[in-house]
PDB file of N, CA and C in Angstrom:
ATOM      1  N   MET A   1     124.623  86.291  34.851  1.00  0.00           N
ATOM      2  CA  MET A   1     123.491  85.632  35.521  1.00  0.00           C
ATOM      3  C   MET A   1     122.195  85.666  34.814  1.00  0.00           C
ATOM      4  N   MET A   2     122.012  86.809  33.908  1.00  0.00           N
ATOM      5  CA  MET A   2     120.932  86.527  32.890  1.00  0.00           C
ATOM      6  C   MET A   2     121.066  85.295  31.962  1.00  0.00           C
ATOM      7  N   ARG A   3     122.079  84.988  31.509  1.00  0.00           N
ATOM      8  CA  ARG A   3     122.485  83.750  30.560  1.00  0.00           C
ATOM      9  C   ARG A   3     122.013  82.612  31.390  1.00  0.00           C
ATOM     10  N   TYR A   4     122.536  82.467  32.498  1.00  0.00           N
ATOM     11  CA  TYR A   4     122.027  81.280  33.228  1.00  0.00           C
ATOM     12  C   TYR A   4     120.447  80.931  33.485  1.00  0.00           C
ATOM     13  N   ILE A   5     119.932  82.077  33.792  1.00  0.00           N
ATOM     14  CA  ILE A   5     118.374  82.145  33.725  1.00  0.00           C
ATOM     15  C   ILE A   5     117.863  81.736  32.305  1.00  0.00           C
ATOM     16  N   ARG A   6     118.447  82.541  31.220  1.00  0.00           N
ATOM     17  CA  ARG A   6     117.904  81.966  29.992  1.00  0.00           C
ATOM     18  C   ARG A   6     118.168  80.474  29.609  1.00  0.00           C
ATOM     19  N   TYR A   7     119.430  79.907  30.201  1.00  0.00           N
ATOM     20  CA  TYR A   7     119.638  78.777  29.804  1.00  0.00           C
ATOM     21  C   TYR A   7     118.698  77.628  30.495  1.00  0.00           C
ATOM     22  N   ALA A   8     118.119  78.000  31.871  1.00  0.00           N
ATOM     23  CA  ALA A   8     117.225  77.307  32.635  1.00  0.00           C
ATOM     24  C   ALA A   8     116.005  77.289  32.109  1.00  0.00           C
ATOM     25  N   CYS A   9     115.598  78.483  31.709  1.00  0.00           N
ATOM     26  CA  CYS A   9     114.174  78.383  30.946  1.00  0.00           C
ATOM     27  C   CYS A   9     114.059  77.616  29.560  1.00  0.00           C
ATOM     28  N   ILE A  10     115.213  77.631  28.679  1.00  0.00           N
ATOM     29  CA  ILE A  10     115.215  76.791  27.737  1.00  0.00           C
ATOM     30  C   ILE A  10     115.227  75.289  28.040  1.00  0.00           C
ATOM     31  N   ALA A  11     115.850  74.906  29.163  1.00  0.00           N
ATOM     32  CA  ALA A  11     115.846  73.513  29.490  1.00  0.00           C
ATOM     33  C   ALA A  11     114.595  73.195  30.043  1.00  0.00           C
ATOM     34  N   LEU A  12     113.845  74.114  30.843  1.00  0.00           N
ATOM     35  CA  LEU A  12     112.570  73.916  31.207  1.00  0.00           C
ATOM     36  C   LEU A  12     111.373  73.551  30.043  1.00  0.00           C
ATOM     37  N   PHE A  13     111.860  74.395  28.896  1.00  0.00           N
ATOM     38  CA  PHE A  13     110.931  74.320  27.976  1.00  0.00           C
ATOM     39  C   PHE A  13     111.130  72.972  27.183  1.00  0.00           C
ATOM     40  N   ALA A  14     112.272  72.666  26.938  1.00  0.00           N
ATOM     41  CA  ALA A  14     112.876  71.349  26.387  1.00  0.00           C
ATOM     42  C   ALA A  14     112.180  70.196  26.946  1.00  0.00           C
ATOM     43  N   LEU A  15     112.297  70.237  28.127  1.00  0.00           N
ATOM     44  CA  LEU A  15     111.641  69.041  29.254  1.00  0.00           C
ATOM     45  C   LEU A  15     110.312  69.049  29.093  1.00  0.00           C
ATOM     46  N   ALA A  16     109.645  70.166  28.872  1.00  0.00           N
ATOM     47  CA  ALA A  16     108.145  70.330  28.674  1.00  0.00           C
ATOM     48  C   ALA A  16     107.682  69.466  27.495  1.00  0.00           C
ATOM     49  N   LEU A  17     108.419  69.885  26.198  1.00  0.00           N
ATOM     50  CA  LEU A  17     108.439  69.399  24.897  1.00  0.00           C
ATOM     51  C   LEU A  17     108.346  67.918  24.877  1.00  0.00           C
ATOM     52  N   ILE A  18     109.573  67.638  25.764  1.00  0.00           N
ATOM     53  CA  ILE A  18     109.832  65.953  25.692  1.00  0.00           C
ATOM     54  C   ILE A  18     108.667  65.170  26.401  1.00  0.00           C
ATOM     55  N   ALA A  19     108.450  65.732  27.457  1.00  0.00           N
ATOM     56  CA  ALA A  19     107.232  65.032  28.247  1.00  0.00           C
ATOM     57  C   ALA A  19     106.139  65.047  27.547  1.00  0.00           C
ATOM     58  N   VAL A  20     105.810  66.212  26.631  1.00  0.00           N
ATOM     59  CA  VAL A  20     104.448  66.085  25.735  1.00  0.00           C
ATOM     60  C   VAL A  20     104.742  65.062  24.908  1.00  0.00           C
ATOM     61  N   ALA A  21     105.873  64.931  24.136  1.00  0.00           N
ATOM     62  CA  ALA A  21     106.156  63.970  23.092  1.00  0.00           C
ATOM     63  C   ALA A  21     105.923  62.362  23.698  1.00  0.00           C
ATOM     64  N   LEU A  22     106.380  62.120  24.766  1.00  0.00           N
ATOM     65  CA  LEU A  22     106.497  60.926  25.424  1.00  0.00           C
ATOM     66  C   LEU A  22     104.866  60.539  25.950  1.00  0.00           C
ATOM     67  N   ALA A  23     104.090  61.355  26.286  1.00  0.00           N
ATOM     68  CA  ALA A  23     102.909  61.184  26.595  1.00  0.00           C
ATOM     69  C   ALA A  23     102.080  61.094  25.526  1.00  0.00           C
ATOM     70  N   ASN A  24     102.422  61.408  24.367  1.00  0.00           N
ATOM     71  CA  ASN A  24     101.415  61.483  23.024  1.00  0.00           C
ATOM     72  C   ASN A  24     102.383  60.680  21.905  1.00  0.00           C
ATOM     73  N   ARG A  25     102.571  59.389  22.162  1.00  0.00           N
ATOM     74  CA  ARG A  25     103.290  58.608  21.555  1.00  0.00           C
ATOM     75  C   ARG A  25     102.429  57.690  20.390  1.00  0.00           C
ATOM     76  N   ALA A  26     101.196  57.599  20.840  1.00  0.00           N
ATOM     77  CA  ALA A  26     100.074  56.764  20.124  1.00  0.00           C
ATOM     78  C   ALA A  26     100.064  57.243  18.702  1.00  0.00           C
ATOM     79  N   ALA A  27      99.838  56.468  17.686  1.00  0.00           N
ATOM     80  CA  ALA A  27      99.826  56.609  16.275  1.00  0.00           C
ATOM     81  C   ALA A  27      98.230  57.032  16.012  1.00  0.00           C
ATOM     82  N   VAL A  28      98.353  58.059  15.243  1.00  0.00           N
ATOM     83  CA  VAL A  28      96.969  58.683  14.959  1.00  0.00           C
ATOM     84  C   VAL A  28      96.868  58.519  13.182  1.00  0.00           C
ATOM     85  N   THR A  29      95.655  58.452  12.847  1.00  0.00           N
ATOM     86  CA  THR A  29      95.544  58.611  11.321  1.00  0.00           C
ATOM     87  C   THR A  29      95.232  60.028  10.865  1.00  0.00           C
ATOM     88  N   LEU A  30      95.786  60.495   9.941  1.00  0.00           N
ATOM     89  CA  LEU A  30      95.355  61.835   9.301  1.00  0.00           C
ATOM     90  C   LEU A  30      94.788  61.455   8.067  1.00  0.00           C
ATOM     91  N   LYS A  31      93.644  62.102   7.794  1.00  0.00           N
ATOM     92  CA  LYS A  31      93.000  62.024   6.838  1.00  0.00           C
ATOM     93  C   LYS A  31      92.671  63.414   6.076  1.00  0.00           C
ATOM     94  N   VAL A  32      92.911  63.317   4.624  1.00  0.00           N
ATOM     95  CA  VAL A  32      92.686  64.791   3.905  1.00  0.00           C
ATOM     96  C   VAL A  32      91.242  65.260   4.079  1.00  0.00           C
ATOM     97  N   LEU A  33      90.476  64.290   3.758  1.00  0.00           N
ATOM     98  CA  LEU A  33      89.047  64.654   3.757  1.00  0.00           C
ATOM     99  C   LEU A  33      88.233  63.854   4.705  1.00  0.00           C
ATOM    100  N   PRO A  34      86.766  63.917   5.157  1.00  0.00           N
ATOM    101  CA  PRO A  34      85.906  63.466   6.029  1.00  0.00           C
ATOM    102  C   PRO A  34      85.485  62.149   5.452  1.00  0.00           C
ATOM    103  N   ASN A  35      85.293  61.022   5.791  1.00  0.00           N
ATOM    104  CA  ASN A  35      84.713  59.883   5.168  1.00  0.00           C
ATOM    105  C   ASN A  35      83.597  60.192   4.095  1.00  0.00           C
ATOM    106  N   GLU A  36      82.580  60.966   4.636  1.00  0.00           N
ATOM    107  CA  GLU A  36      81.494  61.151   3.924  1.00  0.00           C
ATOM    108  C   GLU A  36      81.696  62.026   2.617  1.00  0.00           C
ATOM    109  N   VAL A  37      82.671  62.726   2.616  1.00  0.00           N
ATOM    110  CA  VAL A  37      82.935  63.584   1.320  1.00  0.00           C
ATOM    111  C   VAL A  37      84.066  62.872   0.702  1.00  0.00           C
ATOM    112  N   ALA A  38      84.706  61.994   1.393  1.00  0.00           N
ATOM    113  CA  ALA A  38      85.735  61.107   0.432  1.00  0.00           C
ATOM    114  C   ALA A  38      85.005  60.069  -0.509  1.00  0.00           C
ATOM    115  N   GLY A  39      83.866  59.844  -0.121  1.00  0.00           N
ATOM    116  CA  GLY A  39      83.042  59.041  -1.022  1.00  0.00           C
ATOM    117  C   GLY A  39      82.567  59.487  -2.252  1.00  0.00           C
ATOM    118  N   LEU A  40      82.382  60.699  -2.487  1.00  0.00           N
ATOM    119  CA  LEU A  40      82.224  61.593  -3.410  1.00  0.00           C
ATOM    120  C   LEU A  40      83.370  61.511  -4.504  1.00  0.00           C
ATOM    121  N   PHE A  41      84.313  61.542  -3.940  1.00  0.00           N
ATOM    122  CA  PHE A  41      85.765  61.729  -4.821  1.00  0.00           C
ATOM    123  C   PHE A  41      86.553  60.363  -4.959  1.00  0.00           C
ATOM    124  N   ALA A  42      85.926  59.448  -4.281  1.00  0.00           N
ATOM    125  CA  ALA A  42      86.496  57.959  -4.437  1.00  0.00           C
ATOM    126  C   ALA A  42      88.022  57.831  -4.167  1.00  0.00           C
ATOM    127  N   VAL A  43      88.642  58.847  -3.477  1.00  0.00           N
ATOM    128  CA  VAL A  43      89.884  58.909  -2.889  1.00  0.00           C
ATOM    129  C   VAL A  43      89.871  59.555  -1.514  1.00  0.00           C
ATOM    130  N   ASN A  44      90.789  59.016  -0.810  1.00  0.00           N
ATOM    131  CA  ASN A  44      90.799  59.589   0.626  1.00  0.00           C
ATOM    132  C   ASN A  44      92.324  59.310   1.290  1.00  0.00           C
ATOM    133  N   PRO A  45      93.398  60.209   0.631  1.00  0.00           N
ATOM    134  CA  PRO A  45      94.917  59.894   1.240  1.00  0.00           C
ATOM    135  C   PRO A  45      94.771  60.162   2.869  1.00  0.00           C
ATOM    136  N   SER A  46      95.517  59.083   3.384  1.00  0.00           N
ATOM    137  CA  SER A  46      95.768  59.142   4.739  1.00  0.00           C
ATOM    138  C   SER A  46      97.146  58.870   5.207  1.00  0.00           C
ATOM    139  N   ILE A  47      97.397  59.231   6.504  1.00  0.00           N
ATOM    140  CA  ILE A  47      98.794  59.012   6.919  1.00  0.00           C
ATOM    141  C   ILE A  47      98.915  58.380   8.363  1.00  0.00           C
ATOM    142  N   GLU A  48      99.555  57.935   8.796  1.00  0.00           N
ATOM    143  CA  GLU A  48      99.607  57.315  10.393  1.00  0.00           C
ATOM    144  C   GLU A  48     100.889  57.883  10.872  1.00  0.00           C
ATOM    145  N   MET A  49     100.841  58.459  11.813  1.00  0.00           N
ATOM    146  CA  MET A  49     101.980  59.104  12.697  1.00  0.00           C
ATOM    147  C   MET A  49     101.733  59.342  13.915  1.00  0.00           C
ATOM    148  N   PRO A  50     102.824  59.491  15.023  1.00  0.00           N
ATOM    149  CA  PRO A  50     102.545  59.883  16.247  1.00  0.00           C
ATOM    150  C   PRO A  50     101.794  61.213  16.679  1.00  0.00           C
ATOM    151  N   LEU A  51     101.283  61.186  17.690  1.00  0.00           N
ATOM    152  CA  LEU A  51     100.209  62.352  17.965  1.00  0.00           C
ATOM    153  C   LEU A  51     101.230  63.553  18.343  1.00  0.00           C
ATOM    154  N   PHE A  52     102.383  63.361  18.824  1.00  0.00           N
ATOM    155  CA  PHE A  52     103.209  64.447  19.102  1.00  0.00           C
ATOM    156  C   PHE A  52     103.548  65.299  17.719  1.00  0.00           C
ATOM    157  N   VAL A  53     103.790  64.608  16.773  1.00  0.00           N
ATOM    158  CA  VAL A  53     104.290  65.169  15.638  1.00  0.00           C
ATOM    159  C   VAL A  53     103.091  65.972  15.094  1.00  0.00           C
ATOM    160  N   VAL A  54     102.121  65.526  15.169  1.00  0.00           N
ATOM    161  CA  VAL A  54     101.030  66.487  14.781  1.00  0.00           C
ATOM    162  C   VAL A  54     100.804  67.673  15.412  1.00  0.00           C
ATOM    163  N   ILE A  55     100.850  67.701  16.918  1.00  0.00           N
ATOM    164  CA  ILE A  55     100.947  68.654  17.826  1.00  0.00           C
ATOM    165  C   ILE A  55     101.983  69.578  17.461  1.00  0.00           C
ATOM    166  N   PHE A  56     103.291  69.010  17.274  1.00  0.00           N
ATOM    167  CA  PHE A  56     104.586  70.031  16.955  1.00  0.00           C
ATOM    168  C   PHE A  56     104.163  70.760  15.688  1.00  0.00           C
ATOM    169  N   GLY A  57     103.842  69.834  14.589  1.00  0.00           N
ATOM    170  CA  GLY A  57     103.632  70.355  13.324  1.00  0.00           C
ATOM    171  C   GLY A  57     102.596  71.415  13.148  1.00  0.00           C
ATOM    172  N   GLY A  58     101.585  71.121  14.052  1.00  0.00           N
ATOM    173  CA  GLY A  58     100.351  72.385  13.916  1.00  0.00           C
ATOM    174  C   GLY A  58     101.089  73.628  14.617  1.00  0.00           C
ATOM    175  N   ILE A  59     101.882  73.518  15.673  1.00  0.00           N
ATOM    176  CA  ILE A  59     102.599  74.791  16.392  1.00  0.00           C
ATOM    177  C   ILE A  59     103.591  75.428  15.376  1.00  0.00           C
ATOM    178  N   LEU A  60     104.441  74.454  14.689  1.00  0.00           N
ATOM    179  CA  LEU A  60     105.160  74.898  13.674  1.00  0.00           C
ATOM    180  C   LEU A  60     104.399  75.850  12.482  1.00  0.00           C
ATOM    181  N   VAL A  61     103.499  75.103  11.942  1.00  0.00           N
ATOM    182  CA  VAL A  61     102.761  75.815  10.939  1.00  0.00           C
ATOM    183  C   VAL A  61     102.021  77.054  11.502  1.00  0.00           C
ATOM    184  N   GLY A  62     101.709  76.963  12.716  1.00  0.00           N
ATOM    185  CA  GLY A  62     101.016  78.493  13.112  1.00  0.00           C
ATOM    186  C   GLY A  62     102.145  79.419  13.269  1.00  0.00           C
ATOM    187  N   LEU A  63     103.135  79.142  13.498  1.00  0.00           N
ATOM    188  CA  LEU A  63     104.174  80.078  14.052  1.00  0.00           C
ATOM    189  C   LEU A  63     104.852  80.519  12.456  1.00  0.00           C
ATOM    190  N   LEU A  64     104.946  79.823  11.369  1.00  0.00           N
ATOM    191  CA  LEU A  64     105.043  80.338   9.821  1.00  0.00           C
ATOM    192  C   LEU A  64     104.242  81.119   9.752  1.00  0.00           C
ATOM    193  N   VAL A  65     102.711  80.781   9.834  1.00  0.00           N
ATOM    194  CA  VAL A  65     101.778  81.560   9.053  1.00  0.00           C
ATOM    195  C   VAL A  65     101.914  82.994  10.061  1.00  0.00           C
ATOM    196  N   GLY A  66     101.970  82.894  11.198  1.00  0.00           N
ATOM    197  CA  GLY A  66     102.179  84.016  12.035  1.00  0.00           C
ATOM    198  C   GLY A  66     103.392  84.918  11.559  1.00  0.00           C
ATOM    199  N   PHE A  67     104.574  84.520  11.397  1.00  0.00           N
ATOM    200  CA  PHE A  67     105.604  85.085  10.827  1.00  0.00           C
ATOM    201  C   PHE A  67     105.324  85.845   9.414  1.00  0.00           C
ATOM    202  N   ILE A  68     104.715  85.186   8.471  1.00  0.00           N
ATOM    203  CA  ILE A  68     104.450  85.616   7.291  1.00  0.00           C
ATOM    204  C   ILE A  68     103.610  86.713   7.191  1.00  0.00           C
ATOM    205  N   TRP A  69     102.286  86.545   8.096  1.00  0.00           N
ATOM    206  CA  TRP A  69     101.310  87.616   8.200  1.00  0.00           C
ATOM    207  C   TRP A  69     102.015  88.935   8.928  1.00  0.00           C
ATOM    208  N   GLU A  70     102.814  88.727  10.095  1.00  0.00           N
ATOM    209  CA  GLU A  70     103.188  89.989  10.302  1.00  0.00           C
ATOM    210  C   GLU A  70     104.263  90.692   9.336  1.00  0.00           C
ATOM    211  N   TRP A  71     104.851  89.697   8.708  1.00  0.00           N
ATOM    212  CA  TRP A  71     105.889  90.267   7.594  1.00  0.00           C
ATOM    213  C   TRP A  71     105.043  91.198   6.296  1.00  0.00           C
ATOM    214  N   LEU A  72     104.097  90.576   6.163  1.00  0.00           N
ATOM    215  CA  LEU A  72     103.178  91.346   5.195  1.00  0.00           C
ATOM    216  C   LEU A  72     102.351  92.413   5.628  1.00  0.00           C
ATOM    217  N   ARG A  73     102.051  92.567   7.015  1.00  0.00           N
ATOM    218  CA  ARG A  73     101.374  93.529   7.624  1.00  0.00           C
ATOM    219  C   ARG A  73     102.349  94.989   7.780  1.00  0.00           C
ATOM    220  N   GLU A  74     103.600  94.558   8.255  1.00  0.00           N
ATOM    221  CA  GLU A  74     104.626  95.421   8.200  1.00  0.00           C
ATOM    222  C   GLU A  74     104.876  95.979   7.042  1.00  0.00           C
ATOM    223  N   PHE A  75     104.821  95.764   5.809  1.00  0.00           N
ATOM    224  CA  PHE A  75     105.388  96.151   4.542  1.00  0.00           C
ATOM    225  C   PHE A  75     105.341  97.406   4.343  1.00  0.00           C
ATOM    226  N   THR A  76     103.998  98.217   4.644  1.00  0.00           N
ATOM    227  CA  THR A  76     103.932  99.783   4.389  1.00  0.00           C
ATOM    228  C   THR A  76     104.826 100.295   5.402  1.00  0.00           C
ATOM    229  N   VAL A  77     104.955  99.813   6.807  1.00  0.00           N
ATOM    230  CA  VAL A  77     106.033 100.700   7.450  1.00  0.00           C
ATOM    231  C   VAL A  77     107.367 100.519   6.910  1.00  0.00           C
ATOM    232  N   ARG A  78     107.849  99.453   6.249  1.00  0.00           N
ATOM    233  CA  ARG A  78     109.092  99.381   5.929  1.00  0.00           C
ATOM    234  C   ARG A  78     109.330 100.037   4.516  1.00  0.00           C
ATOM    235  N   SER A  79     108.233 100.223   3.853  1.00  0.00           N
ATOM    236  CA  SER A  79     108.275 100.853   2.581  1.00  0.00           C
ATOM    237  C   SER A  79     108.223 102.487   2.751  1.00  0.00           C
ATOM    238  N   GLU A  80     107.512 102.901   3.971  1.00  0.00           N
ATOM    239  CA  GLU A  80     107.673 104.258   4.272  1.00  0.00           C
ATOM    240  C   GLU A  80     108.905 104.826   4.993  1.00  0.00           C
ATOM    241  N   ALA A  81     109.486 103.720   5.674  1.00  0.00           N
ATOM    242  CA  ALA A  81     110.870 104.020   6.239  1.00  0.00           C
ATOM    243  C   ALA A  81     112.069 104.169   4.969  1.00  0.00           C
ATOM    244  N   ALA A  82     111.920 103.460   4.274  1.00  0.00           N
ATOM    245  CA  ALA A  82     112.805 103.318   2.899  1.00  0.00           C
ATOM    246  C   ALA A  82     112.688 104.684   2.098  1.00  0.00           C
ATOM    247  N   LYS A  83     111.279 105.106   2.021  1.00  0.00           N
ATOM    248  CA  LYS A  83     111.091 106.382   1.305  1.00  0.00           C
ATOM    249  C   LYS A  83     111.458 107.651   1.999  1.00  0.00           C
ATOM    250  N   SER A  84     111.303 107.511   3.524  1.00  0.00           N
ATOM    251  CA  SER A  84     111.968 108.611   4.162  1.00  0.00           C
ATOM    252  C   SER A  84     113.345 108.680   4.311  1.00  0.00           C
ATOM    253  N   ALA A  85     114.068 107.405   4.244  1.00  0.00           N
ATOM    254  CA  ALA A  85     115.403 107.684   4.018  1.00  0.00           C
ATOM    255  C   ALA A  85     116.174 107.869   2.677  1.00  0.00           C
ATOM    256  N   ARG A  86     115.494 107.783   1.516  1.00  0.00           N
ATOM    257  CA  ARG A  86     115.685 108.399   0.497  1.00  0.00           C
ATOM    258  C   ARG A  86     115.407 110.015   0.499  1.00  0.00           C
ATOM    259  N   GLN A  87     114.413 110.244   1.124  1.00  0.00           N
ATOM    260  CA  GLN A  87     114.353 111.709   1.061  1.00  0.00           C
ATOM    261  C   GLN A  87     115.083 112.357   1.938  1.00  0.00           C
ATOM    262  N   VAL A  88     115.512 111.836   3.127  1.00  0.00           N
ATOM    263  CA  VAL A  88     116.729 112.371   3.765  1.00  0.00           C
ATOM    264  C   VAL A  88     118.076 112.509   3.017  1.00  0.00           C
ATOM    265  N   ARG A  89     118.423 111.670   2.275  1.00  0.00           N
ATOM    266  CA  ARG A  89     119.568 111.497   1.596  1.00  0.00           C
ATOM    267  C   ARG A  89     119.480 112.425   0.580  1.00  0.00           C
ATOM    268  N   ARG A  90     118.284 112.775  -0.205  1.00  0.00           N
ATOM    269  CA  ARG A  90     118.285 113.784  -1.344  1.00  0.00           C
ATOM    270  C   ARG A  90     118.362 115.037  -0.696  1.00  0.00           C
ATOM    271  N   LEU A  91     117.715 115.531   0.490  1.00  0.00           N
ATOM    272  CA  LEU A  91     117.809 116.758   1.033  1.00  0.00           C
ATOM    273  C   LEU A  91     119.154 116.931   1.691  1.00  0.00           C
ATOM    274  N   GLU A  92     119.930 116.030   2.055  1.00  0.00           N
ATOM    275  CA  GLU A  92     121.275 116.290   2.625  1.00  0.00           C
ATOM    276  C   GLU A  92     122.151 116.491   1.213  1.00  0.00           C
ATOM    277  N   ARG A  93     121.914 116.011   0.404  1.00  0.00           N
ATOM    278  CA  ARG A  93     122.687 116.351  -0.890  1.00  0.00           C
ATOM    279  C   ARG A  93     122.500 117.785  -1.328  1.00  0.00           C
ATOM    280  N   GLU A  94     121.282 118.118  -1.505  1.00  0.00           N
ATOM    281  CA  GLU A  94     120.607 119.669  -1.599  1.00  0.00           C
ATOM    282  C   GLU A  94     121.259 120.474  -0.661  1.00  0.00           C
ATOM    283  N   VAL A  95     121.529 120.206   0.603  1.00  0.00           N
ATOM    284  CA  VAL A  95     121.936 121.270   1.278  1.00  0.00           C
ATOM    285  C   VAL A  95     123.428 121.407   1.458  1.00  0.00           C
ATOM    286  N   ASP A  96     124.174 120.214   1.008  1.00  0.00           N
ATOM    287  CA  ASP A  96     125.499 120.361   0.566  1.00  0.00           C
ATOM    288  C   ASP A  96     125.888 121.145  -0.656  1.00  0.00           C
ATOM    289  N   ARG A  97     125.086 120.945  -1.599  1.00  0.00           N
ATOM    290  CA  ARG A  97     124.956 121.856  -2.924  1.00  0.00           C
ATOM    291  C   ARG A  97     124.793 123.047  -2.685  1.00  0.00           C
ATOM    292  N   LEU A  98     123.929 123.526  -1.813  1.00  0.00           N
ATOM    293  CA  LEU A  98     123.464 125.020  -1.554  1.00  0.00           C
ATOM    294  C   LEU A  98     124.568 125.524  -0.877  1.00  0.00           C
ATOM    295  N   LYS A  99     125.182 124.939   0.143  1.00  0.00           N
ATOM    296  CA  LYS A  99     126.275 125.435   0.708  1.00  0.00           C
ATOM    297  C   LYS A  99     127.515 125.704   0.015  1.00  0.00           C
ATOM    298  N   GLY A 100     127.670 124.949  -0.966  1.00  0.00           N
ATOM    299  CA  GLY A 100     128.762 125.034  -2.004  1.00  0.00           C
ATOM    300  C   GLY A 100     128.486 126.353  -2.847  1.00  0.00           C
ATOM    301  N   GLU A 101     127.357 126.315  -3.262  1.00  0.00           N
ATOM    302  CA  GLU A 101     126.797 127.648  -4.085  1.00  0.00           C
ATOM    303  C   GLU A 101     126.976 128.742  -3.457  1.00  0.00           C
ATOM    304  N   LYS A 102     126.629 128.964  -2.111  1.00  0.00           N
ATOM    305  CA  LYS A 102     126.755 129.937  -1.153  1.00  0.00           C
ATOM    306  C   LYS A 102     128.164 130.747  -1.275  1.00  0.00           C
ATOM    307  N   HIS A 103     128.988 129.734  -1.109  1.00  0.00           N
ATOM    308  CA  HIS A 103     130.478 130.480  -0.778  1.00  0.00           C
ATOM    309  C   HIS A 103     131.138 130.700  -2.184  1.00  0.00           C
ATOM    310  N   GLU A 104     130.575 130.123  -3.413  1.00  0.00           N
ATOM    311  CA  GLU A 104     131.352 130.422  -4.653  1.00  0.00           C
ATOM    312  C   GLU A 104     131.245 131.808  -5.164  1.00  0.00           C
ATOM    313  N   GLY A 105     130.032 132.554  -4.891  1.00  0.00           N
ATOM    314  CA  GLY A 105     129.783 133.832  -5.344  1.00  0.00           C
ATOM    315  C   GLY A 105     130.533 134.863  -4.408  1.00  0.00           C
ATOM    316  N   LYS A 106     131.046 134.727  -3.287  1.00  0.00           N
ATOM    317  CA  LYS A 106     131.352 135.906  -2.534  1.00  0.00           C
ATOM    318  C   LYS A 106     132.830 135.884  -2.272  1.00  0.00           C
ATOM    319  N   ASP A 107     133.178 136.950  -1.666  1.00  0.00           N
ATOM    320  CA  ASP A 107     134.637 137.223  -1.557  1.00  0.00           C
ATOM    321  C   ASP A 107     135.103 136.144  -0.746  1.00  0.00           C
ATOM    322  N   ASP A 108     136.497 136.130  -0.749  1.00  0.00           N
ATOM    323  CA  ASP A 108     137.091 135.026   0.171  1.00  0.00           C
ATOM    324  C   ASP A 108     137.023 135.425   1.791  1.00  0.00           C
ATOM    325  N   VAL A 109     137.209 136.740   1.926  1.00  0.00           N
ATOM    326  CA  VAL A 109     136.960 137.264   3.256  1.00  0.00           C
ATOM    327  C   VAL A 109     135.689 136.964   4.030  1.00  0.00           C
ATOM    328  N   LEU A 110     134.508 137.072   2.998  1.00  0.00           N
ATOM    329  CA  LEU A 110     133.335 136.835   3.664  1.00  0.00           C
ATOM    330  C   LEU A 110     132.958 135.336   3.817  1.00  0.00           C
ATOM    331  N   ALA A 111     133.537 134.461   2.826  1.00  0.00           N
ATOM    332  CA  ALA A 111     133.533 133.036   2.940  1.00  0.00           C
ATOM    333  C   ALA A 111     134.070 132.579   4.192  1.00  0.00           C
ATOM    334  N   LEU A 112     135.082 133.182   4.715  1.00  0.00           N
ATOM    335  CA  LEU A 112     135.943 132.784   5.726  1.00  0.00           C
ATOM    336  C   LEU A 112     135.064 133.165   7.093  1.00  0.00           C
ATOM    337  N   LEU A 113     134.265 134.328   6.844  1.00  0.00           N
ATOM    338  CA  LEU A 113     133.636 134.705   8.270  1.00  0.00           C
ATOM    339  C   LEU A 113     132.482 133.984   8.140  1.00  0.00           C
ATOM    340  N   ASP A 114     131.883 133.388   7.116  1.00  0.00           N
ATOM    341  CA  ASP A 114     130.705 132.243   7.247  1.00  0.00           C
ATOM    342  C   ASP A 114     130.931 131.111   7.676  1.00  0.00           C
ATOM    343  N   LYS A 115     132.054 130.690   7.379  1.00  0.00           N
ATOM    344  CA  LYS A 115     132.880 129.624   7.971  1.00  0.00           C
ATOM    345  C   LYS A 115     133.071 129.641   9.354  1.00  0.00           C
ATOM    346  N   ALA A 116     133.388 130.791   9.790  1.00  0.00           N
ATOM    347  CA  ALA A 116     133.480 131.034  11.414  1.00  0.00           C
ATOM    348  C   ALA A 116     132.444 131.026  12.295  1.00  0.00           C
ATOM    349  N   GLY A 117     131.465 131.657  11.388  1.00  0.00           N
ATOM    350  CA  GLY A 117     129.998 131.743  12.084  1.00  0.00           C
ATOM    351  C   GLY A 117     129.054 130.819  12.374  1.00  0.00           C
TER     352      GLY A 117
END
């Protein structure tokens, strides 16, 4: 049931995006610099494209910047988790080594009693 609800939400979202694209088909000119500043550099590259491409491109760039920002923000959490995992593995090896040393110097009967208890 949840799968159908998810598909319905995706379909509604797709219809909304299609409606936005159809409503914003007019061509717009994108310029790198404002006209006043472009006069100083004597160059002002521009491109014409439909408005919906600009809108969807802005959304896409915003998502990418957000994902990268979050990945960088969580770097310390990931490094601490890796450090803790290394420490756990080291301590487990040490416990295994100490258990092995504990049974090496004892009598066989005492070693069996330690294993049973």
